[in-house]
Amino acid sequence: MSSNILIVESKNDQFFLQAIIRHLNCNIEVESIEPTPPIIISEDDYKSMEGLNSKKLIAALNSLKADIEKGEIERVGIVIDIDDVDLEL
């Protein structure tokens, strides 16, 4: 059975997203041309990068590579927040 993985910057981000998903009582869905079932992210489907930089993201993706190639992981999502950086719109 394949699973889904959501890569987050830190455990705090993981706990925040889990709380939002539980509060809204919803599944994470993705836009697709083909009809697809909702993506369900369980408590164990998060992977923390323990900080944000390109090396940590590459390492997180590389650590999943073998499981992806074996078909054990179907989809990978990446959530990165802007923290204290000012965002100009």
C-alpha atoms as a PDB file:
ATOM      1  CA  MET A   1       0.000   0.000   0.000  1.00  0.00           C
ATOM      2  CA  SER A   2       1.435   3.346  -0.979  1.00  0.00           C
ATOM      3  CA  SER A   3       1.332   6.362   1.274  1.00  0.00           C
ATOM      4  CA  ASN A   4       1.716  10.102   0.989  1.00  0.00           C
ATOM      5  CA  ILE A   5       4.416  12.216   2.613  1.00  0.00           C
ATOM      6  CA  LEU A   6       4.234  15.889   3.522  1.00  0.00           C
ATOM      7  CA  ILE A   7       7.643  17.519   4.065  1.00  0.00           C
ATOM      8  CA  VAL A   8       7.547  20.423   6.521  1.00  0.00           C
ATOM      9  CA  GLU A   9      10.218  22.753   7.860  1.00  0.00           C
ATOM     10  CA  SER A  10       9.954  21.659  11.480  1.00  0.00           C
ATOM     11  CA  LYS A  11       7.944  19.659  13.993  1.00  0.00           C
ATOM     12  CA  ASN A  12       6.129  22.888  14.937  1.00  0.00           C
ATOM     13  CA  ASP A  13       4.885  23.227  11.366  1.00  0.00           C
ATOM     14  CA  GLN A  14       3.808  19.578  11.426  1.00  0.00           C
ATOM     15  CA  PHE A  15       1.802  20.053  14.630  1.00  0.00           C
ATOM     16  CA  PHE A  16       0.256  23.277  13.281  1.00  0.00           C
ATOM     17  CA  LEU A  17      -0.888  21.618  10.044  1.00  0.00           C
ATOM     18  CA  GLN A  18      -2.210  18.573  11.892  1.00  0.00           C
ATOM     19  CA  ALA A  19      -4.251  20.835  14.188  1.00  0.00           C
ATOM     20  CA  ILE A  20      -5.715  22.767  11.240  1.00  0.00           C
ATOM     21  CA  ILE A  21      -6.621  19.583   9.371  1.00  0.00           C
ATOM     22  CA  ARG A  22      -8.243  18.076  12.486  1.00  0.00           C
ATOM     23  CA  HIS A  23     -10.100  21.324  13.256  1.00  0.00           C
ATOM     24  CA  LEU A  24     -11.457  21.624   9.722  1.00  0.00           C
ATOM     25  CA  ASN A  25     -12.165  17.880   9.684  1.00  0.00           C
ATOM     26  CA  CYS A  26     -11.042  17.635   6.085  1.00  0.00           C
ATOM     27  CA  ASN A  27      -8.765  15.723   3.759  1.00  0.00           C
ATOM     28  CA  ILE A  28      -6.075  17.404   1.700  1.00  0.00           C
ATOM     29  CA  GLU A  29      -7.086  17.414  -1.946  1.00  0.00           C
ATOM     30  CA  VAL A  30      -5.106  18.299  -5.060  1.00  0.00           C
ATOM     31  CA  GLU A  31      -6.328  19.718  -8.349  1.00  0.00           C
ATOM     32  CA  SER A  32      -6.217  17.179 -11.147  1.00  0.00           C
ATOM     33  CA  ILE A  33      -7.615  16.685 -14.626  1.00  0.00           C
ATOM     34  CA  GLU A  34      -8.283  13.036 -13.773  1.00  0.00           C
ATOM     35  CA  PRO A  35     -10.712  12.319 -10.948  1.00  0.00           C
ATOM     36  CA  THR A  36      -8.644  11.265  -7.945  1.00  0.00           C
ATOM     37  CA  PRO A  37      -9.596  10.344  -4.394  1.00  0.00           C
ATOM     38  CA  PRO A  38      -8.678  12.812  -1.642  1.00  0.00           C
ATOM     39  CA  ILE A  39      -5.120  12.592  -0.374  1.00  0.00           C
ATOM     40  CA  ILE A  40      -5.128  11.515   3.227  1.00  0.00           C
ATOM     41  CA  ILE A  41      -2.158  12.522   5.361  1.00  0.00           C
ATOM     42  CA  SER A  42      -1.928  10.508   8.575  1.00  0.00           C
ATOM     43  CA  GLU A  43      -0.016  11.384  11.730  1.00  0.00           C
ATOM     44  CA  ASP A  44       2.997   9.357  10.523  1.00  0.00           C
ATOM     45  CA  ASP A  45       3.134  10.828   7.017  1.00  0.00           C
ATOM     46  CA  TYR A  46       5.065  13.974   7.924  1.00  0.00           C
ATOM     47  CA  LYS A  47       8.804  14.413   7.440  1.00  0.00           C
ATOM     48  CA  SER A  48      10.530  17.333   9.116  1.00  0.00           C
ATOM     49  CA  MET A  49      13.542  19.015   7.501  1.00  0.00           C
ATOM     50  CA  GLU A  50      14.514  20.457  10.912  1.00  0.00           C
ATOM     51  CA  GLY A  51      15.075  23.877   9.369  1.00  0.00           C
ATOM     52  CA  LEU A  52      15.017  25.437   5.944  1.00  0.00           C
ATOM     53  CA  ASN A  53      17.799  25.450   3.428  1.00  0.00           C
ATOM     54  CA  SER A  54      18.322  23.768   0.077  1.00  0.00           C
ATOM     55  CA  LYS A  55      20.667  21.094   1.470  1.00  0.00           C
ATOM     56  CA  LYS A  56      18.094  19.975   4.059  1.00  0.00           C
ATOM     57  CA  LEU A  57      15.337  19.836   1.421  1.00  0.00           C
ATOM     58  CA  ILE A  58      17.518  17.786  -0.924  1.00  0.00           C
ATOM     59  CA  ALA A  59      18.442  15.453   1.947  1.00  0.00           C
ATOM     60  CA  ALA A  60      14.766  15.007   2.881  1.00  0.00           C
ATOM     61  CA  LEU A  61      13.866  14.155  -0.726  1.00  0.00           C
ATOM     62  CA  ASN A  62      16.859  11.828  -1.111  1.00  0.00           C
ATOM     63  CA  SER A  63      15.848   9.952   2.043  1.00  0.00           C
ATOM     64  CA  LEU A  64      12.494   9.178   0.377  1.00  0.00           C
ATOM     65  CA  LYS A  65      13.945   8.183  -3.004  1.00  0.00           C
ATOM     66  CA  ALA A  66      14.185   4.422  -2.400  1.00  0.00           C
ATOM     67  CA  ASP A  67      10.632   4.218  -1.027  1.00  0.00           C
ATOM     68  CA  ILE A  68       9.318   6.210  -4.002  1.00  0.00           C
ATOM     69  CA  GLU A  69      11.105   3.919  -6.471  1.00  0.00           C
ATOM     70  CA  LYS A  70       9.618   0.842  -4.721  1.00  0.00           C
ATOM     71  CA  GLY A  71       6.134   2.362  -4.994  1.00  0.00           C
ATOM     72  CA  GLU A  72       5.732   2.703  -1.236  1.00  0.00           C
ATOM     73  CA  ILE A  73       5.203   6.463  -1.515  1.00  0.00           C
ATOM     74  CA  GLU A  74       2.724   7.751  -4.061  1.00  0.00           C
ATOM     75  CA  ARG A  75       2.824  11.524  -3.553  1.00  0.00           C
ATOM     76  CA  VAL A  76       5.152  13.986  -1.824  1.00  0.00           C
ATOM     77  CA  GLY A  77       4.112  17.489  -0.795  1.00  0.00           C
ATOM     78  CA  ILE A  78       6.327  20.282   0.496  1.00  0.00           C
ATOM     79  CA  VAL A  79       5.057  23.017   2.820  1.00  0.00           C
ATOM     80  CA  ILE A  80       7.352  25.983   3.445  1.00  0.00           C
ATOM     81  CA  ASP A  81       6.177  29.048   5.354  1.00  0.00           C
ATOM     82  CA  ILE A  82       7.699  32.501   5.213  1.00  0.00           C
ATOM     83  CA  ASP A  83       8.386  32.862   8.969  1.00  0.00           C
ATOM     84  CA  ASP A  84       9.836  36.300   9.721  1.00  0.00           C
ATOM     85  CA  VAL A  85      10.565  37.281   6.119  1.00  0.00           C
ATOM     86  CA  ASP A  86       8.596  40.253   4.793  1.00  0.00           C
ATOM     87  CA  LEU A  87       6.517  39.372   1.766  1.00  0.00           C
ATOM     88  CA  GLU A  88       5.849  42.121  -0.742  1.00  0.00           C
ATOM     89  CA  LEU A  89       2.676  41.688  -2.756  1.00  0.00           C
END
